[in-house]
Amino acid sequence: MFTKVRQSGGMYWVATIFAAVLAGYSNRYGYHRDEMYFLAAGRRVDWGYPDQPPLVPLIARGMAAIDSNSLILLRIPAIAAAVAVVLCAGWMARELGGGRVAQTLSAAAVASSALLMAAGHMLGTTVFDLAVWSAVTVLVLRLVREESDPRWWPAVGVLVGIGLQNKALAAIPVLVLAGALAVTGPRKLFATRYFPVAIGIAGLIVLPYLWWQARNGWAQWEMSRAIAGGSSGTSNSPIAFVLLQFGLMGPILVPLWIFGLYWLWRRPRYRAFVLTYLVLFTGYLVAGGKAYYLGGMYPLLLAAGATGLEAKLANHRIRRVAVGFAITLNAAVSALLFLPVLPVATIRDSPVLAINFDAGETIGWPGFVHQIADARARSAPDAEILTANYGEAAAIERFGGTYRLPTPHSGHNAYWWWGPPAEGRPVLTVGIAEDQLRRLCSEPELLGHIDNGLGIHNVEQGRPIYLCRVLRISWDAAWPAVRHLG
């Protein structure tokens, strides 16, 4: 073991530096709306939710149980998962026959990527999806060896089960890869009693979530259709989906992963991975998937490219320096755009918000809640609170205790399942347009608009705050129509 670490020590140094960078920037801005939503879901533990399986809410709950006020602690599992992706990239290169240079190069390339920096510095489903798929890829590469050990199949089953408890969409690349292996081979890796064992393990792990979905009308399917229809803030048009594939890892790395595709195709044993990439690319493009859904394939493509490039770098110092400079430049640009590097006061005048939608969703939440509390105290101190989306409701849950705000309500995603406001009390609404509100309230009173005070355009900036003193109908009658997914 010590010999292996020495032989591939470069990738472990890369992983260590990467972890330090993510940890160092993990507390620069603030909570992302999704992180606060995971905390809210974790306080309402269930086998599933309409928009996600229970894994990340459970992780959020565990971190909050240690210290409910530590943003850094909340993000440690995400950082660990991102580091695992970096290590898996190095291990992929090793499984493909790459030596120390290839392993270090593949790890460094993945660590420098825009996608992994964006996903790895805050708690979310994407980084765990990347980590699980990367680990599955490493094990499948072992299984397709000429001298493979089929006893790795149960480990694949465990990983797939965990991946499905993180994101239901994880089933798609698994099924596509299995189909690609059946088409291109090697097919003998399925001819073992361990393969059905793996299927059984994955099924048992995900069964509670499937049971919840079946009992609740398969809400996840409705959610997927809403996202495909463009309801998410990060939904992509077909053209944007294609163009963003060149930005997920960083434009500088495009030649390396394209070369990796070519390198894998030239080797029949690995053609299934190329076919998987092409099928997933086409499927997500046609179905309206988000660009980052394909992100899990790129660590392998980069590892393959690094392995194919290794011989050209082994005894050529100038080439190694040039490649090192390219990786460093890619990392610097990715960090500037997708980590909270810039001071908050300079974000408005930078290109960050135009490129990185999520950056704006980590700024201004304490001030947002303060404005809600102030409006409520001035107009109706006993009012219930109804928000347009889960981010607003989750922020009020996270920061509202200081102002003794009640538990908020929303018709968005899981919040709808958690019930309506109490009957017979005024309702303060946040982010709901007047024409929509008039279906519930005959005389909505405009109390003001949200202003983060920084001129930063995010989802909440400029949203209205209304007070509804008397509802037209009861909440029992109104609540079904309030529900929306996206």
Protein backbone atom coordinates (compact mmCIF):
# COMPACT_ATOMS: atom_id res chain seq x y z
CA MET A 1 0.00 0.00 0.00
CA PHE A 2 2.80 2.40 0.91
CA THR A 3 4.47 1.66 -2.44
CA LYS A 4 1.26 2.47 -4.34
CA VAL A 5 0.91 5.79 -2.49
CA ARG A 6 4.51 6.69 -3.35
CA GLN A 7 4.03 5.76 -7.00
CA SER A 8 0.89 7.89 -7.33
CA GLY A 9 1.66 10.48 -4.65
CA GLY A 10 1.04 13.39 -6.98
CA MET A 11 -2.69 12.83 -7.11
CA TYR A 12 -2.92 12.69 -3.32
CA TRP A 13 -1.16 16.05 -3.11
CA VAL A 14 -3.64 17.40 -5.64
CA ALA A 15 -6.55 16.09 -3.57
CA THR A 16 -5.11 17.61 -0.39
CA ILE A 17 -4.63 21.05 -1.95
CA PHE A 18 -8.09 20.88 -3.50
CA ALA A 19 -9.67 20.06 -0.14
CA ALA A 20 -7.84 22.96 1.50
CA VAL A 21 -9.05 25.40 -1.18
CA LEU A 22 -12.67 24.31 -0.87
CA ALA A 23 -12.57 24.45 2.92
CA GLY A 24 -10.88 27.84 2.86
CA TYR A 25 -13.65 29.37 0.75
CA SER A 26 -16.58 27.48 2.27
CA ASN A 27 -17.67 30.33 4.56
CA ARG A 28 -17.12 33.40 2.41
CA TYR A 29 -20.68 34.27 1.38
CA GLY A 30 -23.55 32.39 2.99
CA TYR A 31 -26.05 29.58 2.70
CA HIS A 32 -27.38 28.58 -0.69
CA ARG A 33 -31.17 28.35 -0.87
CA ASP A 34 -30.90 24.57 -1.42
CA GLU A 35 -28.77 24.11 1.70
CA MET A 36 -31.40 25.78 3.86
CA TYR A 37 -34.04 23.64 2.16
CA PHE A 38 -32.06 20.49 2.99
CA LEU A 39 -31.92 21.63 6.61
CA ALA A 40 -35.70 22.17 6.59
CA ALA A 41 -36.29 18.74 5.05
CA GLY A 42 -33.90 17.19 7.56
CA ARG A 43 -36.06 18.55 10.37
CA ARG A 44 -38.96 16.61 8.83
CA VAL A 45 -37.30 13.25 8.29
CA ASP A 46 -39.13 11.03 5.85
CA TRP A 47 -38.40 8.17 3.45
CA GLY A 48 -38.64 10.61 0.57
CA TYR A 49 -39.73 14.02 -0.66
CA PRO A 50 -41.51 15.10 -3.85
CA ASP A 51 -38.31 16.48 -5.34
CA GLN A 52 -35.57 14.26 -3.91
CA PRO A 53 -34.65 11.12 -1.99
CA PRO A 54 -33.73 11.47 1.70
CA LEU A 55 -29.91 11.18 1.67
CA VAL A 56 -28.85 14.84 1.59
CA PRO A 57 -31.55 16.01 4.06
CA LEU A 58 -30.30 13.28 6.43
CA ILE A 59 -26.72 14.50 6.00
CA ALA A 60 -27.85 18.07 6.68
CA ARG A 61 -29.68 16.92 9.79
CA GLY A 62 -26.58 15.09 11.03
CA MET A 63 -24.33 18.11 10.55
CA ALA A 64 -26.89 20.42 12.20
CA ALA A 65 -27.06 18.07 15.19
CA ILE A 66 -23.36 18.72 15.76
CA ASP A 67 -23.55 22.49 15.28
CA SER A 68 -26.67 24.04 13.78
CA ASN A 69 -24.96 27.39 13.15
CA SER A 70 -21.79 26.24 11.37
CA LEU A 71 -21.88 26.66 7.62
CA ILE A 72 -18.40 25.18 7.31
CA LEU A 73 -19.45 22.03 9.15
CA LEU A 74 -22.55 21.68 6.99
CA ARG A 75 -20.37 21.69 3.88
CA ILE A 76 -17.71 19.21 5.04
CA PRO A 77 -19.52 16.16 3.56
CA ALA A 78 -19.72 17.93 0.20
CA ILE A 79 -16.02 18.78 0.30
CA ALA A 80 -15.22 15.15 1.13
CA ALA A 81 -17.34 13.96 -1.80
CA ALA A 82 -15.59 16.40 -4.16
CA VAL A 83 -12.19 15.15 -2.99
CA ALA A 84 -13.39 11.60 -3.64
CA VAL A 85 -14.13 12.58 -7.26
CA VAL A 86 -10.57 13.87 -7.64
CA LEU A 87 -9.12 10.67 -6.22
CA CYS A 88 -11.38 8.52 -8.37
CA ALA A 89 -10.14 10.36 -11.46
CA GLY A 90 -6.60 9.34 -10.55
CA TRP A 91 -7.71 5.77 -9.89
CA MET A 92 -9.50 5.68 -13.25
CA ALA A 93 -6.23 6.57 -14.96
CA ARG A 94 -4.51 3.77 -13.02
CA GLU A 95 -7.19 1.27 -14.09
CA LEU A 96 -6.70 2.36 -17.70
CA GLY A 97 -2.97 1.63 -17.42
CA GLY A 98 -1.75 5.11 -16.63
CA GLY A 99 1.26 5.72 -14.43
CA ARG A 100 2.03 8.47 -11.96
CA VAL A 101 1.97 11.27 -14.55
CA ALA A 102 -1.43 10.21 -15.91
CA GLN A 103 -2.89 9.78 -12.45
CA THR A 104 -1.68 13.18 -11.29
CA LEU A 105 -2.77 14.88 -14.51
CA SER A 106 -6.27 13.39 -14.43
CA ALA A 107 -6.72 14.29 -10.76
CA ALA A 108 -5.47 17.83 -11.34
CA ALA A 109 -7.66 18.30 -14.41
CA VAL A 110 -10.80 17.24 -12.54
CA ALA A 111 -9.86 19.33 -9.49
CA SER A 112 -9.47 22.38 -11.74
CA SER A 113 -12.91 21.97 -13.29
CA ALA A 114 -15.68 24.52 -12.99
CA LEU A 115 -18.30 21.87 -12.23
CA LEU A 116 -16.49 20.27 -9.31
CA MET A 117 -15.57 23.59 -7.72
CA ALA A 118 -19.15 24.83 -8.05
CA ALA A 119 -20.66 21.62 -6.69
CA GLY A 120 -18.01 20.83 -4.10
CA HIS A 121 -17.96 23.97 -2.00
CA MET A 122 -21.58 23.70 -0.79
CA LEU A 123 -23.95 20.93 0.25
CA GLY A 124 -26.08 19.59 -2.59
CA THR A 125 -27.06 16.46 -4.48
CA THR A 126 -24.80 17.09 -7.47
CA VAL A 127 -21.48 16.53 -5.72
CA PHE A 128 -22.64 13.23 -4.19
CA ASP A 129 -23.96 12.16 -7.59
CA LEU A 130 -20.53 12.87 -9.09
CA ALA A 131 -18.77 11.00 -6.28
CA VAL A 132 -20.96 7.89 -6.52
CA TRP A 133 -20.78 7.72 -10.31
CA SER A 134 -17.00 8.20 -10.23
CA ALA A 135 -16.63 5.36 -7.74
CA VAL A 136 -18.93 3.12 -9.81
CA THR A 137 -16.81 3.90 -12.88
CA VAL A 138 -13.63 2.86 -11.08
CA LEU A 139 -15.18 -0.46 -10.08
CA VAL A 140 -16.62 -1.13 -13.54
CA LEU A 141 -13.18 -0.47 -15.03
CA ARG A 142 -11.90 -3.18 -12.71
CA LEU A 143 -14.70 -5.51 -13.76
CA VAL A 144 -13.92 -5.15 -17.48
CA ARG A 145 -10.31 -6.22 -17.00
CA GLU A 146 -9.26 -9.47 -18.69
CA GLU A 147 -8.49 -10.87 -15.23
CA SER A 148 -11.39 -9.32 -13.34
CA ASP A 149 -12.78 -10.24 -9.94
CA PRO A 150 -16.61 -10.47 -10.03
CA ARG A 151 -16.74 -9.97 -6.28
CA TRP A 152 -16.63 -6.22 -6.95
CA TRP A 153 -20.28 -6.40 -8.11
CA PRO A 154 -21.84 -6.17 -4.62
CA ALA A 155 -19.83 -2.99 -3.99
CA VAL A 156 -21.27 -1.59 -7.22
CA GLY A 157 -24.74 -2.47 -5.94
CA VAL A 158 -24.12 -0.62 -2.67
CA LEU A 159 -22.88 2.47 -4.50
CA VAL A 160 -25.78 2.47 -6.94
CA GLY A 161 -28.25 2.12 -4.07
CA ILE A 162 -26.67 5.05 -2.25
CA GLY A 163 -26.68 7.05 -5.48
CA LEU A 164 -30.39 6.42 -5.95
CA GLN A 165 -31.06 7.57 -2.38
CA ASN A 166 -29.29 10.79 -3.33
CA LYS A 167 -30.87 11.45 -6.73
CA ALA A 168 -33.41 9.36 -8.65
CA LEU A 169 -31.80 10.49 -11.90
CA ALA A 170 -28.77 8.33 -11.01
CA ALA A 171 -30.65 5.33 -12.43
CA ILE A 172 -30.30 6.66 -15.99
CA PRO A 173 -26.48 6.48 -16.47
CA VAL A 174 -26.38 3.13 -14.66
CA LEU A 175 -28.96 1.61 -17.01
CA VAL A 176 -27.33 3.17 -20.07
CA LEU A 177 -23.89 1.85 -19.11
CA ALA A 178 -25.29 -1.62 -18.48
CA GLY A 179 -26.97 -1.55 -21.88
CA ALA A 180 -23.79 -0.30 -23.56
CA LEU A 181 -21.75 -3.10 -22.00
CA ALA A 182 -24.34 -5.62 -23.21
CA VAL A 183 -24.03 -4.21 -26.75
CA THR A 184 -20.26 -3.71 -27.05
CA GLY A 185 -18.94 -6.07 -24.38
CA PRO A 186 -17.21 -7.47 -22.56
CA ARG A 187 -20.47 -9.34 -21.82
CA LYS A 188 -18.84 -12.00 -19.67
CA LEU A 189 -18.76 -9.64 -16.69
CA PHE A 190 -22.54 -10.22 -16.31
CA ALA A 191 -22.09 -14.01 -16.24
CA THR A 192 -21.63 -14.28 -12.50
CA ARG A 193 -23.89 -14.84 -9.52
CA TYR A 194 -22.58 -11.60 -8.05
CA PHE A 195 -24.36 -9.49 -10.68
CA PRO A 196 -27.92 -10.30 -9.52
CA VAL A 197 -26.68 -9.86 -5.96
CA ALA A 198 -25.65 -6.31 -6.87
CA ILE A 199 -29.09 -5.64 -8.36
CA GLY A 200 -30.74 -6.96 -5.22
CA ILE A 201 -28.59 -4.83 -2.92
CA ALA A 202 -29.31 -1.66 -4.91
CA GLY A 203 -33.02 -2.47 -4.93
CA LEU A 204 -33.17 -3.01 -1.19
CA ILE A 205 -31.39 0.26 -0.46
CA VAL A 206 -33.69 2.33 -2.68
CA LEU A 207 -36.91 0.46 -1.80
CA PRO A 208 -38.05 2.83 1.03
CA TYR A 209 -37.81 5.80 -1.29
CA LEU A 210 -39.78 4.02 -4.02
CA TRP A 211 -42.40 3.12 -1.42
CA TRP A 212 -42.75 6.80 -0.45
CA GLN A 213 -43.07 7.85 -4.10
CA ALA A 214 -45.72 5.20 -4.77
CA ARG A 215 -47.74 6.38 -1.77
CA ASN A 216 -47.52 10.01 -2.92
CA GLY A 217 -48.45 9.73 -6.57
CA TRP A 218 -44.90 9.53 -7.97
CA ALA A 219 -44.31 13.23 -7.39
CA GLN A 220 -40.68 12.87 -8.49
CA TRP A 221 -41.86 12.07 -12.02
CA GLU A 222 -43.99 15.22 -12.07
CA MET A 223 -40.98 17.13 -10.76
CA SER A 224 -38.77 15.80 -13.57
CA ARG A 225 -41.28 16.88 -16.19
CA ALA A 226 -41.44 20.36 -14.65
CA ILE A 227 -37.64 20.72 -14.81
CA ALA A 228 -37.58 19.45 -18.41
CA GLY A 229 -40.14 22.13 -19.17
CA GLY A 230 -37.78 24.84 -17.91
CA SER A 231 -39.17 25.46 -14.42
CA SER A 232 -35.77 25.40 -12.72
CA GLY A 233 -33.54 28.45 -12.42
CA THR A 234 -30.72 26.43 -13.97
CA SER A 235 -32.71 24.84 -16.81
CA ASN A 236 -30.99 24.95 -20.20
CA SER A 237 -32.18 25.33 -23.77
CA PRO A 238 -30.88 22.72 -26.25
CA ILE A 239 -28.29 25.15 -27.60
CA ALA A 240 -27.16 26.09 -24.10
CA PHE A 241 -26.97 22.39 -23.16
CA VAL A 242 -24.53 21.74 -26.01
CA LEU A 243 -22.42 24.84 -25.45
CA LEU A 244 -22.19 24.30 -21.69
CA GLN A 245 -20.60 20.89 -22.24
CA PHE A 246 -17.50 22.84 -23.26
CA GLY A 247 -17.59 24.79 -20.01
CA LEU A 248 -18.35 22.16 -17.37
CA MET A 249 -14.71 21.17 -17.04
CA GLY A 250 -13.42 24.45 -18.42
CA PRO A 251 -12.77 25.35 -22.09
CA ILE A 252 -9.05 24.71 -21.68
CA LEU A 253 -9.69 21.03 -20.93
CA VAL A 254 -11.92 20.38 -23.95
CA PRO A 255 -9.08 18.99 -26.14
CA LEU A 256 -8.06 16.61 -23.34
CA TRP A 257 -11.50 15.03 -22.85
CA ILE A 258 -12.20 14.87 -26.59
CA PHE A 259 -8.90 13.04 -26.96
CA GLY A 260 -10.05 10.80 -24.11
CA LEU A 261 -13.20 9.88 -26.06
CA TYR A 262 -11.05 8.96 -29.06
CA TRP A 263 -8.60 7.00 -26.88
CA LEU A 264 -11.39 4.94 -25.30
CA TRP A 265 -13.05 4.24 -28.66
CA ARG A 266 -9.79 2.87 -30.07
CA ARG A 267 -9.84 0.20 -27.34
CA PRO A 268 -12.78 -2.21 -27.76
CA ARG A 269 -12.76 -3.09 -24.06
CA TYR A 270 -13.74 0.49 -23.18
CA ARG A 271 -16.09 1.36 -26.05
CA ALA A 272 -19.12 0.94 -23.80
CA PHE A 273 -18.14 4.14 -21.97
CA VAL A 274 -18.04 6.10 -25.24
CA LEU A 275 -21.43 4.72 -26.22
CA THR A 276 -22.76 5.64 -22.76
CA TYR A 277 -21.55 9.22 -23.18
CA LEU A 278 -23.15 9.55 -26.62
CA VAL A 279 -26.49 8.05 -25.54
CA LEU A 280 -26.66 10.20 -22.42
CA PHE A 281 -25.71 13.32 -24.38
CA THR A 282 -28.47 12.68 -26.92
CA GLY A 283 -31.04 11.64 -24.33
CA TYR A 284 -30.54 14.64 -22.05
CA LEU A 285 -30.49 16.99 -25.04
CA VAL A 286 -33.81 15.68 -26.38
CA ALA A 287 -35.47 15.38 -22.95
CA GLY A 288 -34.53 18.88 -21.80
CA GLY A 289 -32.01 17.83 -19.16
CA LYS A 290 -29.65 20.24 -17.47
CA ALA A 291 -26.11 20.48 -18.82
CA TYR A 292 -24.48 19.23 -15.63
CA TYR A 293 -26.43 15.95 -15.78
CA LEU A 294 -23.68 14.74 -18.11
CA GLY A 295 -20.92 15.93 -15.79
CA GLY A 296 -20.23 12.53 -14.26
CA MET A 297 -18.78 11.26 -17.55
CA TYR A 298 -15.98 13.81 -17.78
CA PRO A 299 -13.65 12.51 -15.04
CA LEU A 300 -13.33 9.27 -17.02
CA LEU A 301 -12.80 11.10 -20.31
CA LEU A 302 -10.12 13.27 -18.72
CA ALA A 303 -8.47 10.22 -17.17
CA ALA A 304 -8.44 8.49 -20.55
CA GLY A 305 -7.00 11.58 -22.20
CA ALA A 306 -4.31 11.84 -19.51
CA THR A 307 -3.44 8.17 -19.92
CA GLY A 308 -3.11 8.53 -23.67
CA LEU A 309 -1.02 11.68 -23.27
CA GLU A 310 1.33 10.30 -20.64
CA ALA A 311 3.90 8.85 -23.05
CA LYS A 312 4.25 12.21 -24.78
CA LEU A 313 4.90 13.93 -21.45
CA ALA A 314 7.15 11.39 -19.74
CA ASN A 315 10.48 12.68 -20.99
CA HIS A 316 9.52 16.09 -22.25
CA ARG A 317 9.82 18.78 -19.59
CA ILE A 318 8.52 21.65 -21.76
CA ARG A 319 5.32 19.75 -22.54
CA ARG A 320 4.79 18.95 -18.88
CA VAL A 321 5.25 22.61 -17.96
CA ALA A 322 2.80 23.67 -20.68
CA VAL A 323 0.19 21.19 -19.51
CA GLY A 324 0.74 22.23 -15.90
CA PHE A 325 0.28 25.87 -16.85
CA ALA A 326 -2.96 25.05 -18.70
CA ILE A 327 -4.35 23.17 -15.70
CA THR A 328 -3.35 26.00 -13.34
CA LEU A 329 -4.99 28.59 -15.58
CA ASN A 330 -8.15 26.48 -15.80
CA ALA A 331 -8.22 26.17 -12.01
CA ALA A 332 -7.74 29.92 -11.52
CA VAL A 333 -10.57 30.84 -13.90
CA SER A 334 -12.87 28.18 -12.40
CA ALA A 335 -12.15 29.39 -8.87
CA LEU A 336 -12.74 33.02 -9.76
CA LEU A 337 -16.13 32.26 -11.32
CA PHE A 338 -17.42 29.39 -9.19
CA LEU A 339 -15.92 29.84 -5.73
CA PRO A 340 -16.73 32.81 -3.45
CA VAL A 341 -13.38 34.44 -4.17
CA LEU A 342 -14.44 38.02 -4.92
CA PRO A 343 -15.65 40.29 -2.10
CA VAL A 344 -19.45 40.53 -2.00
CA ALA A 345 -19.31 44.26 -2.72
CA THR A 346 -17.63 43.64 -6.09
CA ILE A 347 -19.89 40.85 -7.35
CA ARG A 348 -22.43 43.18 -8.96
CA ASP A 349 -19.89 44.70 -11.34
CA SER A 350 -18.18 41.41 -12.20
CA PRO A 351 -19.13 38.77 -14.81
CA VAL A 352 -19.67 36.19 -12.07
CA LEU A 353 -23.46 36.48 -11.76
CA ALA A 354 -23.95 36.25 -15.53
CA ILE A 355 -22.04 32.95 -15.61
CA ASN A 356 -22.67 31.48 -12.17
CA PHE A 357 -26.39 31.71 -11.30
CA ASP A 358 -25.88 30.07 -7.90
CA ALA A 359 -23.49 32.75 -6.62
CA GLY A 360 -26.37 35.21 -6.26
CA GLU A 361 -28.36 32.60 -4.35
CA THR A 362 -25.80 32.58 -1.51
CA ILE A 363 -25.95 36.32 -0.78
CA GLY A 364 -28.35 38.39 1.30
CA TRP A 365 -30.51 35.84 3.11
CA PRO A 366 -30.16 37.28 6.66
CA GLY A 367 -31.15 40.70 5.34
CA PHE A 368 -34.03 39.16 3.43
CA VAL A 369 -35.43 37.64 6.62
CA HIS A 370 -34.91 40.90 8.51
CA GLN A 371 -37.08 42.72 5.96
CA ILE A 372 -39.82 40.10 6.31
CA ALA A 373 -39.72 40.36 10.09
CA ASP A 374 -39.83 44.16 9.95
CA ALA A 375 -42.83 44.18 7.59
CA ARG A 376 -44.68 41.70 9.80
CA ALA A 377 -43.94 43.62 13.00
CA ARG A 378 -45.22 46.87 11.46
CA SER A 379 -48.40 45.51 9.88
CA ALA A 380 -49.61 42.29 11.50
CA PRO A 381 -47.50 40.79 14.30
CA ASP A 382 -49.73 37.69 14.41
CA ALA A 383 -49.59 36.98 10.65
CA GLU A 384 -48.75 33.62 9.15
CA ILE A 385 -46.12 33.64 6.38
CA LEU A 386 -46.58 32.22 2.86
CA THR A 387 -43.72 32.31 0.37
CA ALA A 388 -43.50 31.78 -3.38
CA ASN A 389 -40.69 29.24 -3.23
CA TYR A 390 -38.88 26.84 -0.93
CA GLY A 391 -35.75 29.00 -0.72
CA GLU A 392 -37.63 31.89 0.83
CA ALA A 393 -39.44 29.62 3.28
CA ALA A 394 -36.24 27.78 4.22
CA ALA A 395 -34.41 31.07 4.81
CA ILE A 396 -37.16 32.22 7.18
CA GLU A 397 -36.84 28.91 9.05
CA ARG A 398 -33.08 29.29 9.27
CA PHE A 399 -32.88 32.93 10.36
CA GLY A 400 -36.39 33.67 11.63
CA GLY A 401 -35.78 32.51 15.20
CA THR A 402 -34.03 35.76 16.00
CA TYR A 403 -37.29 37.61 15.24
CA ARG A 404 -39.61 34.93 16.64
CA LEU A 405 -41.15 34.38 13.24
CA PRO A 406 -43.59 31.48 12.88
CA THR A 407 -42.81 28.42 10.76
CA PRO A 408 -43.33 29.59 7.17
CA HIS A 409 -45.46 27.89 4.53
CA SER A 410 -45.18 27.54 0.77
CA GLY A 411 -46.85 25.65 -2.03
CA HIS A 412 -43.47 24.88 -3.56
CA ASN A 413 -42.10 21.33 -3.64
CA ALA A 414 -41.94 19.61 -0.21
CA TYR A 415 -43.30 22.64 1.63
CA TRP A 416 -46.72 21.97 0.11
CA TRP A 417 -46.66 18.50 1.70
CA TRP A 418 -45.91 20.10 5.07
CA GLY A 419 -49.27 21.88 5.14
CA PRO A 420 -51.01 25.27 4.88
CA PRO A 421 -51.09 28.22 7.29
CA ALA A 422 -53.53 28.24 10.20
CA GLU A 423 -57.09 29.27 9.45
CA GLY A 424 -58.48 32.61 10.53
CA ARG A 425 -55.22 34.56 10.70
CA PRO A 426 -53.78 37.23 8.39
CA VAL A 427 -51.10 36.07 5.96
CA LEU A 428 -47.92 37.86 4.98
CA THR A 429 -46.91 36.73 1.49
CA VAL A 430 -43.42 36.91 0.01
CA GLY A 431 -42.63 36.82 -3.69
CA ILE A 432 -46.21 36.14 -4.84
CA ALA A 433 -47.47 38.39 -7.62
CA GLU A 434 -50.65 40.42 -7.02
CA ASP A 435 -52.66 38.72 -9.79
CA GLN A 436 -51.92 35.31 -8.25
CA LEU A 437 -52.62 36.55 -4.74
CA ARG A 438 -56.06 37.92 -5.66
CA ARG A 439 -57.26 34.36 -6.10
CA LEU A 440 -56.83 34.01 -2.34
CA CYS A 441 -57.27 37.57 -1.09
CA SER A 442 -59.67 40.28 -2.22
CA GLU A 443 -57.67 43.25 -0.90
CA PRO A 444 -53.91 42.50 -0.76
CA GLU A 445 -51.90 45.33 0.80
CA LEU A 446 -48.48 46.00 -0.68
CA LEU A 447 -45.96 46.45 2.15
CA GLY A 448 -42.78 46.79 0.10
CA HIS A 449 -40.25 44.97 -2.05
CA ILE A 450 -37.22 42.87 -1.17
CA ASP A 451 -33.93 44.71 -1.59
CA ASN A 452 -30.60 43.07 -0.74
CA GLY A 453 -28.97 46.50 -0.62
CA LEU A 454 -26.14 45.36 -2.87
CA GLY A 455 -27.76 45.76 -6.27
CA ILE A 456 -27.28 42.05 -6.84
CA HIS A 457 -29.85 40.51 -9.13
CA ASN A 458 -31.00 37.20 -7.74
CA VAL A 459 -34.34 35.40 -7.58
CA GLU A 460 -35.58 37.39 -4.57
CA GLN A 461 -34.44 40.88 -5.54
CA GLY A 462 -37.46 43.16 -6.05
CA ARG A 463 -40.03 40.55 -5.03
CA PRO A 464 -43.19 42.00 -3.42
CA ILE A 465 -44.32 41.62 0.18
CA TYR A 466 -48.12 41.67 0.60
CA LEU A 467 -50.45 41.35 3.55
CA CYS A 468 -53.72 39.50 3.19
CA ARG A 469 -55.94 40.17 6.19
CA VAL A 470 -58.93 38.06 5.09
CA LEU A 471 -58.92 35.08 2.73
CA ARG A 472 -61.63 34.59 0.12
CA ILE A 473 -61.81 30.86 0.90
CA SER A 474 -60.54 28.47 3.54
CA TRP A 475 -57.05 27.00 3.34
CA ASP A 476 -58.55 23.52 3.03
CA ALA A 477 -60.16 24.62 -0.21
CA ALA A 478 -57.28 26.81 -1.44
CA TRP A 479 -54.27 24.63 -0.63
CA PRO A 480 -54.54 22.10 -3.51
CA ALA A 481 -54.34 24.95 -6.07
CA VAL A 482 -51.28 26.47 -4.37
CA ARG A 483 -49.11 23.43 -5.07
CA HIS A 484 -46.33 23.74 -7.66
CA LEU A 485 -43.18 21.75 -8.41
CA GLY A 486 -39.97 22.90 -10.01
